[in-house]
Amino acid sequence: MTFARPRLPALLIANSSDAAVYDVIVDFLAPDSGELRRVGIGPIAPGKERLHAIEHEGELPDGWEPAAMHAQTYFRDSAGTYWLRDAMGRLLEDSGAGNDDFSTSGGQLV
C-alpha cells in the first residue's frame, strides 16, 4: 500500500502450523473485474506469513470489502498431502489438480 494507492488490496497467507507448507497457490476474484485469478505464493515456513499485493485497474467501489475476493488457498503439507482452505476457512483435503473449476471458469494465472 502507498499513499498514491491507499486501498490496494492484498492477500495475507499465514502458516500457523508447526511445519512448512509447500506449493501454495491462492485463487481469488479480482477486485476490479470479478474475474477468477490464481497466484503462486511458493513455500511458507512454520509460523510465517506472506503478503501479496493485488494490482488492479481503476477505483474500487465504495464499500468494497476484501472478503469479496472469496480467496481460497491450496497447499501441500510435509507429508505430501494436498489441502484446500476454502473461502469460509474450512480445511478440506484437495481433490487433486484439474478437479477444481479454475480452468472451466475461465480463470487466469497471475
PDB file of N, CA and C in Angstrom:
ATOM      1  N   MET A   1       0.845  -1.162   0.000  1.00  0.00           N
ATOM      2  CA  MET A   1       0.000   0.000   0.000  1.00  0.00           C
ATOM      3  C   MET A   1       0.900   1.238   0.000  1.00  0.00           C
ATOM      4  N   THR A   2       0.467   2.239  -0.767  1.00  0.00           N
ATOM      5  CA  THR A   2       1.179   3.511  -0.801  1.00  0.00           C
ATOM      6  C   THR A   2       0.161   4.621  -0.628  1.00  0.00           C
ATOM      7  N   PHE A   3       0.644   5.833  -0.420  1.00  0.00           N
ATOM      8  CA  PHE A   3      -0.274   6.962  -0.328  1.00  0.00           C
ATOM      9  C   PHE A   3      -0.940   7.213  -1.675  1.00  0.00           C
ATOM     10  N   ALA A   4      -0.258   6.849  -2.759  1.00  0.00           N
ATOM     11  CA  ALA A   4      -0.837   7.014  -4.086  1.00  0.00           C
ATOM     12  C   ALA A   4      -1.975   6.020  -4.308  1.00  0.00           C
ATOM     13  N   ARG A   5      -1.890   4.841  -3.703  1.00  0.00           N
ATOM     14  CA  ARG A   5      -2.917   3.804  -3.838  1.00  0.00           C
ATOM     15  C   ARG A   5      -3.231   3.248  -2.462  1.00  0.00           C
ATOM     16  N   PRO A   6      -3.926   4.025  -1.626  1.00  0.00           N
ATOM     17  CA  PRO A   6      -4.140   3.601  -0.239  1.00  0.00           C
ATOM     18  C   PRO A   6      -5.070   2.402  -0.086  1.00  0.00           C
ATOM     19  N   ARG A   7      -5.832   2.080  -1.109  1.00  0.00           N
ATOM     20  CA  ARG A   7      -6.762   0.965  -0.996  1.00  0.00           C
ATOM     21  C   ARG A   7      -6.306  -0.209  -1.845  1.00  0.00           C
ATOM     22  N   LEU A   8      -5.025  -0.445  -1.938  1.00  0.00           N
ATOM     23  CA  LEU A   8      -4.501  -1.560  -2.715  1.00  0.00           C
ATOM     24  C   LEU A   8      -4.799  -2.856  -1.974  1.00  0.00           C
ATOM     25  N   PRO A   9      -5.664  -3.709  -2.531  1.00  0.00           N
ATOM     26  CA  PRO A   9      -5.988  -4.970  -1.856  1.00  0.00           C
ATOM     27  C   PRO A   9      -4.779  -5.894  -1.821  1.00  0.00           C
ATOM     28  N   ALA A  10      -4.788  -6.796  -0.873  1.00  0.00           N
ATOM     29  CA  ALA A  10      -3.688  -7.751  -0.733  1.00  0.00           C
ATOM     30  C   ALA A  10      -4.213  -9.052  -0.158  1.00  0.00           C
ATOM     31  N   LEU A  11      -3.464 -10.112  -0.407  1.00  0.00           N
ATOM     32  CA  LEU A  11      -3.723 -11.416   0.190  1.00  0.00           C
ATOM     33  C   LEU A  11      -2.692 -11.618   1.291  1.00  0.00           C
ATOM     34  N   LEU A  12      -3.138 -11.981   2.465  1.00  0.00           N
ATOM     35  CA  LEU A  12      -2.241 -12.329   3.555  1.00  0.00           C
ATOM     36  C   LEU A  12      -2.401 -13.819   3.793  1.00  0.00           C
ATOM     37  N   ILE A  13      -1.348 -14.586   3.533  1.00  0.00           N
ATOM     38  CA  ILE A  13      -1.378 -16.030   3.666  1.00  0.00           C
ATOM     39  C   ILE A  13      -0.476 -16.382   4.840  1.00  0.00           C
ATOM     40  N   ALA A  14      -1.064 -16.978   5.875  1.00  0.00           N
ATOM     41  CA  ALA A  14      -0.324 -17.296   7.094  1.00  0.00           C
ATOM     42  C   ALA A  14      -0.273 -18.798   7.300  1.00  0.00           C
ATOM     43  N   ASN A  15       0.877 -19.281   7.721  1.00  0.00           N
ATOM     44  CA  ASN A  15       1.043 -20.679   8.091  1.00  0.00           C
ATOM     45  C   ASN A  15       1.147 -20.730   9.608  1.00  0.00           C
ATOM     46  N   SER A  16       0.060 -21.075  10.263  1.00  0.00           N
ATOM     47  CA  SER A  16       0.052 -21.126  11.732  1.00  0.00           C
ATOM     48  C   SER A  16       0.402 -22.499  12.276  1.00  0.00           C
ATOM     49  N   SER A  17       0.819 -23.408  11.403  1.00  0.00           N
ATOM     50  CA  SER A  17       1.196 -24.750  11.866  1.00  0.00           C
ATOM     51  C   SER A  17       2.663 -24.768  12.300  1.00  0.00           C
ATOM     52  N   ASP A  18       3.092 -25.908  12.817  1.00  0.00           N
ATOM     53  CA  ASP A  18       4.488 -26.047  13.235  1.00  0.00           C
ATOM     54  C   ASP A  18       5.339 -26.744  12.180  1.00  0.00           C
ATOM     55  N   ALA A  19       4.805 -26.838  10.947  1.00  0.00           N
ATOM     56  CA  ALA A  19       5.533 -27.443   9.835  1.00  0.00           C
ATOM     57  C   ALA A  19       5.379 -26.558   8.605  1.00  0.00           C
ATOM     58  N   ALA A  20       6.369 -26.611   7.736  1.00  0.00           N
ATOM     59  CA  ALA A  20       6.305 -25.824   6.499  1.00  0.00           C
ATOM     60  C   ALA A  20       5.194 -26.342   5.594  1.00  0.00           C
ATOM     61  N   VAL A  21       4.677 -25.458   4.732  1.00  0.00           N
ATOM     62  CA  VAL A  21       3.746 -25.858   3.683  1.00  0.00           C
ATOM     63  C   VAL A  21       4.373 -25.479   2.346  1.00  0.00           C
ATOM     64  N   TYR A  22       4.013 -26.229   1.320  1.00  0.00           N
ATOM     65  CA  TYR A  22       4.658 -26.115   0.017  1.00  0.00           C
ATOM     66  C   TYR A  22       3.611 -25.934  -1.081  1.00  0.00           C
ATOM     67  N   ASP A  23       4.078 -25.517  -2.262  1.00  0.00           N
ATOM     68  CA  ASP A  23       3.211 -25.386  -3.438  1.00  0.00           C
ATOM     69  C   ASP A  23       1.964 -24.561  -3.141  1.00  0.00           C
ATOM     70  N   VAL A  24       2.111 -23.486  -2.401  1.00  0.00           N
ATOM     71  CA  VAL A  24       0.966 -22.661  -2.012  1.00  0.00           C
ATOM     72  C   VAL A  24       0.506 -21.832  -3.209  1.00  0.00           C
ATOM     73  N   ILE A  25      -0.773 -21.948  -3.536  1.00  0.00           N
ATOM     74  CA  ILE A  25      -1.394 -21.110  -4.548  1.00  0.00           C
ATOM     75  C   ILE A  25      -2.706 -20.573  -3.985  1.00  0.00           C
ATOM     76  N   VAL A  26      -3.114 -19.411  -4.475  1.00  0.00           N
ATOM     77  CA  VAL A  26      -4.351 -18.797  -4.000  1.00  0.00           C
ATOM     78  C   VAL A  26      -5.210 -18.436  -5.205  1.00  0.00           C
ATOM     79  N   ASP A  27      -6.476 -18.848  -5.168  1.00  0.00           N
ATOM     80  CA  ASP A  27      -7.475 -18.428  -6.147  1.00  0.00           C
ATOM     81  C   ASP A  27      -8.290 -17.312  -5.515  1.00  0.00           C
ATOM     82  N   PHE A  28      -8.630 -16.291  -6.299  1.00  0.00           N
ATOM     83  CA  PHE A  28      -9.415 -15.177  -5.778  1.00  0.00           C
ATOM     84  C   PHE A  28     -10.128 -14.484  -6.931  1.00  0.00           C
ATOM     85  N   LEU A  29     -11.143 -13.703  -6.591  1.00  0.00           N
ATOM     86  CA  LEU A  29     -11.841 -12.888  -7.574  1.00  0.00           C
ATOM     87  C   LEU A  29     -11.190 -11.511  -7.610  1.00  0.00           C
ATOM     88  N   ALA A  30     -10.789 -11.071  -8.795  1.00  0.00           N
ATOM     89  CA  ALA A  30     -10.135  -9.777  -8.945  1.00  0.00           C
ATOM     90  C   ALA A  30     -11.058  -8.677  -8.425  1.00  0.00           C
ATOM     91  N   PRO A  31     -10.521  -7.758  -7.631  1.00  0.00           N
ATOM     92  CA  PRO A  31     -11.364  -6.737  -7.010  1.00  0.00           C
ATOM     93  C   PRO A  31     -12.000  -5.767  -7.997  1.00  0.00           C
ATOM     94  N   ASP A  32     -11.391  -5.566  -9.157  1.00  0.00           N
ATOM     95  CA  ASP A  32     -11.937  -4.608 -10.115  1.00  0.00           C
ATOM     96  C   ASP A  32     -12.888  -5.235 -11.126  1.00  0.00           C
ATOM     97  N   SER A  33     -12.631  -6.477 -11.508  1.00  0.00           N
ATOM     98  CA  SER A  33     -13.418  -7.101 -12.575  1.00  0.00           C
ATOM     99  C   SER A  33     -14.250  -8.289 -12.117  1.00  0.00           C
ATOM    100  N   GLY A  34     -13.904  -8.869 -10.970  1.00  0.00           N
ATOM    101  CA  GLY A  34     -14.595 -10.067 -10.508  1.00  0.00           C
ATOM    102  C   GLY A  34     -14.133 -11.335 -11.209  1.00  0.00           C
ATOM    103  N   GLU A  35     -13.108 -11.225 -12.072  1.00  0.00           N
ATOM    104  CA  GLU A  35     -12.599 -12.400 -12.782  1.00  0.00           C
ATOM    105  C   GLU A  35     -11.812 -13.291 -11.829  1.00  0.00           C
ATOM    106  N   LEU A  36     -11.876 -14.593 -12.079  1.00  0.00           N
ATOM    107  CA  LEU A  36     -11.151 -15.566 -11.265  1.00  0.00           C
ATOM    108  C   LEU A  36      -9.670 -15.515 -11.616  1.00  0.00           C
ATOM    109  N   ARG A  37      -8.834 -15.399 -10.602  1.00  0.00           N
ATOM    110  CA  ARG A  37      -7.378 -15.333 -10.782  1.00  0.00           C
ATOM    111  C   ARG A  37      -6.696 -16.364  -9.895  1.00  0.00           C
ATOM    112  N   ARG A  38      -5.486 -16.730 -10.263  1.00  0.00           N
ATOM    113  CA  ARG A  38      -4.679 -17.661  -9.464  1.00  0.00           C
ATOM    114  C   ARG A  38      -3.262 -17.117  -9.394  1.00  0.00           C
ATOM    115  N   VAL A  39      -2.697 -17.120  -8.182  1.00  0.00           N
ATOM    116  CA  VAL A  39      -1.335 -16.636  -7.980  1.00  0.00           C
ATOM    117  C   VAL A  39      -0.552 -17.689  -7.197  1.00  0.00           C
ATOM    118  N   GLY A  40       0.683 -17.952  -7.637  1.00  0.00           N
ATOM    119  CA  GLY A  40       1.581 -18.844  -6.917  1.00  0.00           C
ATOM    120  C   GLY A  40       2.307 -18.091  -5.825  1.00  0.00           C
ATOM    121  N   ILE A  41       2.307 -18.630  -4.640  1.00  0.00           N
ATOM    122  CA  ILE A  41       2.936 -17.986  -3.485  1.00  0.00           C
ATOM    123  C   ILE A  41       4.250 -18.667  -3.126  1.00  0.00           C
ATOM    124  N   GLY A  42       4.349 -19.987  -3.357  1.00  0.00           N
ATOM    125  CA  GLY A  42       5.547 -20.740  -3.002  1.00  0.00           C
ATOM    126  C   GLY A  42       5.449 -21.305  -1.601  1.00  0.00           C
ATOM    127  N   PRO A  43       6.549 -21.776  -1.041  1.00  0.00           N
ATOM    128  CA  PRO A  43       6.523 -22.365   0.305  1.00  0.00           C
ATOM    129  C   PRO A  43       6.416 -21.290   1.381  1.00  0.00           C
ATOM    130  N   ILE A  44       5.864 -21.695   2.516  1.00  0.00           N
ATOM    131  CA  ILE A  44       5.783 -20.795   3.674  1.00  0.00           C
ATOM    132  C   ILE A  44       6.254 -21.571   4.902  1.00  0.00           C
ATOM    133  N   ALA A  45       7.230 -21.021   5.584  1.00  0.00           N
ATOM    134  CA  ALA A  45       7.803 -21.659   6.776  1.00  0.00           C
ATOM    135  C   ALA A  45       6.792 -21.654   7.931  1.00  0.00           C
ATOM    136  N   PRO A  46       7.012 -22.516   8.920  1.00  0.00           N
ATOM    137  CA  PRO A  46       6.115 -22.559  10.078  1.00  0.00           C
ATOM    138  C   PRO A  46       6.060 -21.210  10.788  1.00  0.00           C
ATOM    139  N   GLY A  47       4.839 -20.785  11.121  1.00  0.00           N
ATOM    140  CA  GLY A  47       4.659 -19.541  11.863  1.00  0.00           C
ATOM    141  C   GLY A  47       4.907 -18.279  11.062  1.00  0.00           C
ATOM    142  N   LYS A  48       5.116 -18.400   9.762  1.00  0.00           N
ATOM    143  CA  LYS A  48       5.400 -17.227   8.911  1.00  0.00           C
ATOM    144  C   LYS A  48       4.190 -16.898   8.044  1.00  0.00           C
ATOM    145  N   GLU A  49       4.251 -15.733   7.421  1.00  0.00           N
ATOM    146  CA  GLU A  49       3.170 -15.316   6.543  1.00  0.00           C
ATOM    147  C   GLU A  49       3.745 -14.607   5.331  1.00  0.00           C
ATOM    148  N   ARG A  50       2.937 -14.530   4.287  1.00  0.00           N
ATOM    149  CA  ARG A  50       3.311 -13.814   3.063  1.00  0.00           C
ATOM    150  C   ARG A  50       2.209 -12.823   2.733  1.00  0.00           C
ATOM    151  N   LEU A  51       2.594 -11.671   2.263  1.00  0.00           N
ATOM    152  CA  LEU A  51       1.662 -10.651   1.823  1.00  0.00           C
ATOM    153  C   LEU A  51       1.843 -10.490   0.319  1.00  0.00           C
ATOM    154  N   HIS A  52       0.753 -10.596  -0.421  1.00  0.00           N
ATOM    155  CA  HIS A  52       0.812 -10.460  -1.876  1.00  0.00           C
ATOM    156  C   HIS A  52      -0.168  -9.371  -2.296  1.00  0.00           C
ATOM    157  N   ALA A  53       0.355  -8.234  -2.762  1.00  0.00           N
ATOM    158  CA  ALA A  53      -0.487  -7.121  -3.212  1.00  0.00           C
ATOM    159  C   ALA A  53      -1.175  -7.498  -4.519  1.00  0.00           C
ATOM    160  N   ILE A  54      -2.426  -7.071  -4.655  1.00  0.00           N
ATOM    161  CA  ILE A  54      -3.211  -7.344  -5.857  1.00  0.00           C
ATOM    162  C   ILE A  54      -3.326  -6.054  -6.663  1.00  0.00           C
ATOM    163  N   GLU A  55      -2.632  -6.015  -7.777  1.00  0.00           N
ATOM    164  CA  GLU A  55      -2.725  -4.857  -8.667  1.00  0.00           C
ATOM    165  C   GLU A  55      -4.080  -4.883  -9.367  1.00  0.00           C
ATOM    166  N   HIS A  56      -4.657  -3.720  -9.564  1.00  0.00           N
ATOM    167  CA  HIS A  56      -5.936  -3.643 -10.249  1.00  0.00           C
ATOM    168  C   HIS A  56      -6.043  -2.310 -10.972  1.00  0.00           C
ATOM    169  N   GLU A  57      -6.966  -2.251 -11.913  1.00  0.00           N
ATOM    170  CA  GLU A  57      -7.198  -1.038 -12.689  1.00  0.00           C
ATOM    171  C   GLU A  57      -8.355  -0.265 -12.066  1.00  0.00           C
ATOM    172  N   GLY A  58      -8.290   1.042 -12.152  1.00  0.00           N
ATOM    173  CA  GLY A  58      -9.398   1.871 -11.719  1.00  0.00           C
ATOM    174  C   GLY A  58      -9.574   1.914 -10.214  1.00  0.00           C
ATOM    175  N   GLU A  59     -10.704   2.445  -9.810  1.00  0.00           N
ATOM    176  CA  GLU A  59     -11.031   2.604  -8.397  1.00  0.00           C
ATOM    177  C   GLU A  59     -11.911   1.455  -7.921  1.00  0.00           C
ATOM    178  N   LEU A  60     -11.747   1.100  -6.684  1.00  0.00           N
ATOM    179  CA  LEU A  60     -12.641   0.118  -6.086  1.00  0.00           C
ATOM    180  C   LEU A  60     -13.917   0.835  -5.654  1.00  0.00           C
ATOM    181  N   PRO A  61     -15.047   0.166  -5.771  1.00  0.00           N
ATOM    182  CA  PRO A  61     -16.297   0.833  -5.387  1.00  0.00           C
ATOM    183  C   PRO A  61     -16.337   1.130  -3.889  1.00  0.00           C
ATOM    184  N   ASP A  62     -17.046   2.186  -3.523  1.00  0.00           N
ATOM    185  CA  ASP A  62     -17.240   2.490  -2.105  1.00  0.00           C
ATOM    186  C   ASP A  62     -17.868   1.278  -1.436  1.00  0.00           C
ATOM    187  N   GLY A  63     -17.409   0.981  -0.242  1.00  0.00           N
ATOM    188  CA  GLY A  63     -17.952  -0.147   0.499  1.00  0.00           C
ATOM    189  C   GLY A  63     -17.337  -1.486   0.131  1.00  0.00           C
ATOM    190  N   TRP A  64     -16.375  -1.486  -0.821  1.00  0.00           N
ATOM    191  CA  TRP A  64     -15.745  -2.747  -1.200  1.00  0.00           C
ATOM    192  C   TRP A  64     -15.046  -3.350   0.014  1.00  0.00           C
ATOM    193  N   GLU A  65     -15.175  -4.655   0.190  1.00  0.00           N
ATOM    194  CA  GLU A  65     -14.553  -5.380   1.295  1.00  0.00           C
ATOM    195  C   GLU A  65     -13.636  -6.467   0.750  1.00  0.00           C
ATOM    196  N   PRO A  66     -12.509  -6.736   1.408  1.00  0.00           N
ATOM    197  CA  PRO A  66     -11.612  -7.809   0.962  1.00  0.00           C
ATOM    198  C   PRO A  66     -12.287  -9.180   0.872  1.00  0.00           C
ATOM    199  N   ALA A  67     -13.296  -9.418   1.691  1.00  0.00           N
ATOM    200  CA  ALA A  67     -13.992 -10.708   1.649  1.00  0.00           C
ATOM    201  C   ALA A  67     -14.620 -10.958   0.281  1.00  0.00           C
ATOM    202  N   ALA A  68     -14.847  -9.890  -0.502  1.00  0.00           N
ATOM    203  CA  ALA A  68     -15.437 -10.027  -1.832  1.00  0.00           C
ATOM    204  C   ALA A  68     -14.517 -10.779  -2.792  1.00  0.00           C
ATOM    205  N   MET A  69     -13.238 -10.945  -2.430  1.00  0.00           N
ATOM    206  CA  MET A  69     -12.323 -11.690  -3.290  1.00  0.00           C
ATOM    207  C   MET A  69     -12.522 -13.200  -3.144  1.00  0.00           C
ATOM    208  N   HIS A  70     -13.224 -13.654  -2.109  1.00  0.00           N
ATOM    209  CA  HIS A  70     -13.506 -15.083  -1.899  1.00  0.00           C
ATOM    210  C   HIS A  70     -12.250 -15.935  -2.103  1.00  0.00           C
ATOM    211  N   ALA A  71     -11.156 -15.531  -1.476  1.00  0.00           N
ATOM    212  CA  ALA A  71      -9.876 -16.228  -1.647  1.00  0.00           C
ATOM    213  C   ALA A  71      -9.925 -17.632  -1.058  1.00  0.00           C
ATOM    214  N   GLN A  72      -9.302 -18.551  -1.761  1.00  0.00           N
ATOM    215  CA  GLN A  72      -9.102 -19.899  -1.229  1.00  0.00           C
ATOM    216  C   GLN A  72      -7.690 -20.345  -1.552  1.00  0.00           C
ATOM    217  N   THR A  73      -7.112 -21.084  -0.620  1.00  0.00           N
ATOM    218  CA  THR A  73      -5.699 -21.425  -0.671  1.00  0.00           C
ATOM    219  C   THR A  73      -5.501 -22.918  -0.813  1.00  0.00           C
ATOM    220  N   TYR A  74      -4.639 -23.305  -1.734  1.00  0.00           N
ATOM    221  CA  TYR A  74      -4.255 -24.701  -1.930  1.00  0.00           C
ATOM    222  C   TYR A  74      -2.806 -24.846  -1.479  1.00  0.00           C
ATOM    223  N   PHE A  75      -2.469 -25.960  -0.844  1.00  0.00           N
ATOM    224  CA  PHE A  75      -1.093 -26.179  -0.429  1.00  0.00           C
ATOM    225  C   PHE A  75      -0.833 -27.666  -0.203  1.00  0.00           C
ATOM    226  N   ARG A  76       0.464 -28.009  -0.104  1.00  0.00           N
ATOM    227  CA  ARG A  76       0.903 -29.379   0.187  1.00  0.00           C
ATOM    228  C   ARG A  76       1.607 -29.363   1.526  1.00  0.00           C
ATOM    229  N   ASP A  77       1.283 -30.325   2.386  1.00  0.00           N
ATOM    230  CA  ASP A  77       1.957 -30.404   3.680  1.00  0.00           C
ATOM    231  C   ASP A  77       3.237 -31.230   3.572  1.00  0.00           C
ATOM    232  N   SER A  78       3.985 -31.335   4.658  1.00  0.00           N
ATOM    233  CA  SER A  78       5.278 -32.033   4.641  1.00  0.00           C
ATOM    234  C   SER A  78       5.127 -33.537   4.421  1.00  0.00           C
ATOM    235  N   ALA A  79       3.925 -34.075   4.614  1.00  0.00           N
ATOM    236  CA  ALA A  79       3.676 -35.497   4.360  1.00  0.00           C
ATOM    237  C   ALA A  79       3.282 -35.752   2.904  1.00  0.00           C
ATOM    238  N   GLY A  80       3.126 -34.677   2.126  1.00  0.00           N
ATOM    239  CA  GLY A  80       2.781 -34.823   0.720  1.00  0.00           C
ATOM    240  C   GLY A  80       1.288 -34.773   0.427  1.00  0.00           C
ATOM    241  N   THR A  81       0.467 -34.496   1.428  1.00  0.00           N
ATOM    242  CA  THR A  81      -0.978 -34.400   1.238  1.00  0.00           C
ATOM    243  C   THR A  81      -1.335 -32.992   0.783  1.00  0.00           C
ATOM    244  N   TYR A  82      -2.229 -32.905  -0.207  1.00  0.00           N
ATOM    245  CA  TYR A  82      -2.680 -31.614  -0.713  1.00  0.00           C
ATOM    246  C   TYR A  82      -3.965 -31.203  -0.012  1.00  0.00           C
ATOM    247  N   TRP A  83      -4.047 -29.904   0.314  1.00  0.00           N
ATOM    248  CA  TRP A  83      -5.161 -29.372   1.081  1.00  0.00           C
ATOM    249  C   TRP A  83      -5.728 -28.129   0.416  1.00  0.00           C
ATOM    250  N   LEU A  84      -6.969 -27.828   0.785  1.00  0.00           N
ATOM    251  CA  LEU A  84      -7.639 -26.612   0.360  1.00  0.00           C
ATOM    252  C   LEU A  84      -8.200 -25.934   1.605  1.00  0.00           C
ATOM    253  N   ARG A  85      -7.870 -24.666   1.787  1.00  0.00           N
ATOM    254  CA  ARG A  85      -8.509 -23.832   2.810  1.00  0.00           C
ATOM    255  C   ARG A  85      -9.477 -22.950   2.021  1.00  0.00           C
ATOM    256  N   ASP A  86     -10.784 -23.244   2.128  1.00  0.00           N
ATOM    257  CA  ASP A  86     -11.750 -22.542   1.289  1.00  0.00           C
ATOM    258  C   ASP A  86     -12.042 -21.135   1.801  1.00  0.00           C
ATOM    259  N   ALA A  87     -12.871 -20.407   1.062  1.00  0.00           N
ATOM    260  CA  ALA A  87     -13.164 -19.012   1.388  1.00  0.00           C
ATOM    261  C   ALA A  87     -13.887 -18.861   2.718  1.00  0.00           C
ATOM    262  N   MET A  88     -14.471 -19.932   3.222  1.00  0.00           N
ATOM    263  CA  MET A  88     -15.147 -19.906   4.519  1.00  0.00           C
ATOM    264  C   MET A  88     -14.211 -20.313   5.657  1.00  0.00           C
ATOM    265  N   GLY A  89     -12.958 -20.650   5.323  1.00  0.00           N
ATOM    266  CA  GLY A  89     -11.980 -21.028   6.334  1.00  0.00           C
ATOM    267  C   GLY A  89     -11.922 -22.506   6.636  1.00  0.00           C
ATOM    268  N   ARG A  90     -12.727 -23.301   5.946  1.00  0.00           N
ATOM    269  CA  ARG A  90     -12.730 -24.757   6.183  1.00  0.00           C
ATOM    270  C   ARG A  90     -11.500 -25.397   5.543  1.00  0.00           C
ATOM    271  N   LEU A  91     -10.903 -26.342   6.237  1.00  0.00           N
ATOM    272  CA  LEU A  91      -9.761 -27.085   5.720  1.00  0.00           C
ATOM    273  C   LEU A  91     -10.267 -28.411   5.169  1.00  0.00           C
ATOM    274  N   LEU A  92     -10.044 -28.637   3.880  1.00  0.00           N
ATOM    275  CA  LEU A  92     -10.520 -29.836   3.196  1.00  0.00           C
ATOM    276  C   LEU A  92      -9.364 -30.477   2.454  1.00  0.00           C
ATOM    277  N   GLU A  93      -9.377 -31.798   2.348  1.00  0.00           N
ATOM    278  CA  GLU A  93      -8.369 -32.440   1.519  1.00  0.00           C
ATOM    279  C   GLU A  93      -8.668 -32.079   0.069  1.00  0.00           C
ATOM    280  N   ASP A  94      -7.632 -31.688  -0.674  1.00  0.00           N
ATOM    281  CA  ASP A  94      -7.793 -31.251  -2.055  1.00  0.00           C
ATOM    282  C   ASP A  94      -8.111 -32.462  -2.932  1.00  0.00           C
ATOM    283  N   SER A  95      -9.046 -32.290  -3.844  1.00  0.00           N
ATOM    284  CA  SER A  95      -9.450 -33.391  -4.724  1.00  0.00           C
ATOM    285  C   SER A  95      -8.470 -33.621  -5.865  1.00  0.00           C
ATOM    286  N   GLY A  96      -7.445 -32.788  -5.981  1.00  0.00           N
ATOM    287  CA  GLY A  96      -6.396 -33.010  -6.969  1.00  0.00           C
ATOM    288  C   GLY A  96      -6.406 -31.989  -8.088  1.00  0.00           C
ATOM    289  N   ALA A  97      -5.256 -31.831  -8.704  1.00  0.00           N
ATOM    290  CA  ALA A  97      -5.089 -30.867  -9.790  1.00  0.00           C
ATOM    291  C   ALA A  97      -6.078 -31.166 -10.907  1.00  0.00           C
ATOM    292  N   GLY A  98      -6.694 -30.120 -11.441  1.00  0.00           N
ATOM    293  CA  GLY A  98      -7.628 -30.276 -12.541  1.00  0.00           C
ATOM    294  C   GLY A  98      -9.037 -30.630 -12.113  1.00  0.00           C
ATOM    295  N   ASN A  99      -9.251 -30.885 -10.819  1.00  0.00           N
ATOM    296  CA  ASN A  99     -10.585 -31.235 -10.344  1.00  0.00           C
ATOM    297  C   ASN A  99     -11.340 -30.042  -9.776  1.00  0.00           C
ATOM    298  N   ASP A 100     -10.726 -28.862  -9.813  1.00  0.00           N
ATOM    299  CA  ASP A 100     -11.444 -27.666  -9.386  1.00  0.00           C
ATOM    300  C   ASP A 100     -12.058 -27.023 -10.630  1.00  0.00           C
ATOM    301  N   ASP A 101     -12.733 -25.927 -10.471  1.00  0.00           N
ATOM    302  CA  ASP A 101     -13.381 -25.285 -11.613  1.00  0.00           C
ATOM    303  C   ASP A 101     -12.571 -24.117 -12.160  1.00  0.00           C
ATOM    304  N   PHE A 102     -11.294 -24.033 -11.833  1.00  0.00           N
ATOM    305  CA  PHE A 102     -10.485 -22.894 -12.248  1.00  0.00           C
ATOM    306  C   PHE A 102     -10.442 -22.746 -13.767  1.00  0.00           C
ATOM    307  N   SER A 103     -10.099 -23.792 -14.467  1.00  0.00           N
ATOM    308  CA  SER A 103      -9.966 -23.709 -15.930  1.00  0.00           C
ATOM    309  C   SER A 103     -11.315 -23.539 -16.613  1.00  0.00           C
ATOM    310  N   THR A 104     -12.309 -24.284 -16.193  1.00  0.00           N
ATOM    311  CA  THR A 104     -13.617 -24.194 -16.822  1.00  0.00           C
ATOM    312  C   THR A 104     -14.323 -22.878 -16.522  1.00  0.00           C
ATOM    313  N   SER A 105     -13.911 -22.195 -15.440  1.00  0.00           N
ATOM    314  CA  SER A 105     -14.496 -20.905 -15.103  1.00  0.00           C
ATOM    315  C   SER A 105     -13.761 -19.743 -15.756  1.00  0.00           C
ATOM    316  N   GLY A 106     -12.793 -20.054 -16.609  1.00  0.00           N
ATOM    317  CA  GLY A 106     -12.053 -19.003 -17.310  1.00  0.00           C
ATOM    318  C   GLY A 106     -11.012 -18.315 -16.451  1.00  0.00           C
ATOM    319  N   GLY A 107     -10.503 -19.015 -15.430  1.00  0.00           N
ATOM    320  CA  GLY A 107      -9.510 -18.443 -14.532  1.00  0.00           C
ATOM    321  C   GLY A 107      -8.237 -18.047 -15.254  1.00  0.00           C
ATOM    322  N   GLN A 108      -7.566 -17.031 -14.696  1.00  0.00           N
ATOM    323  CA  GLN A 108      -6.322 -16.512 -15.265  1.00  0.00           C
ATOM    324  C   GLN A 108      -5.196 -16.643 -14.253  1.00  0.00           C
ATOM    325  N   LEU A 109      -4.047 -17.113 -14.736  1.00  0.00           N
ATOM    326  CA  LEU A 109      -2.854 -17.155 -13.881  1.00  0.00           C
ATOM    327  C   LEU A 109      -2.262 -15.762 -13.810  1.00  0.00           C
ATOM    328  N   VAL A 110      -1.873 -15.350 -12.600  1.00  0.00           N
ATOM    329  CA  VAL A 110      -1.273 -14.030 -12.410  1.00  0.00           C
ATOM    330  C   VAL A 110       0.223 -14.201 -12.295  1.00  0.00           C
TER     331      VAL A 110
END
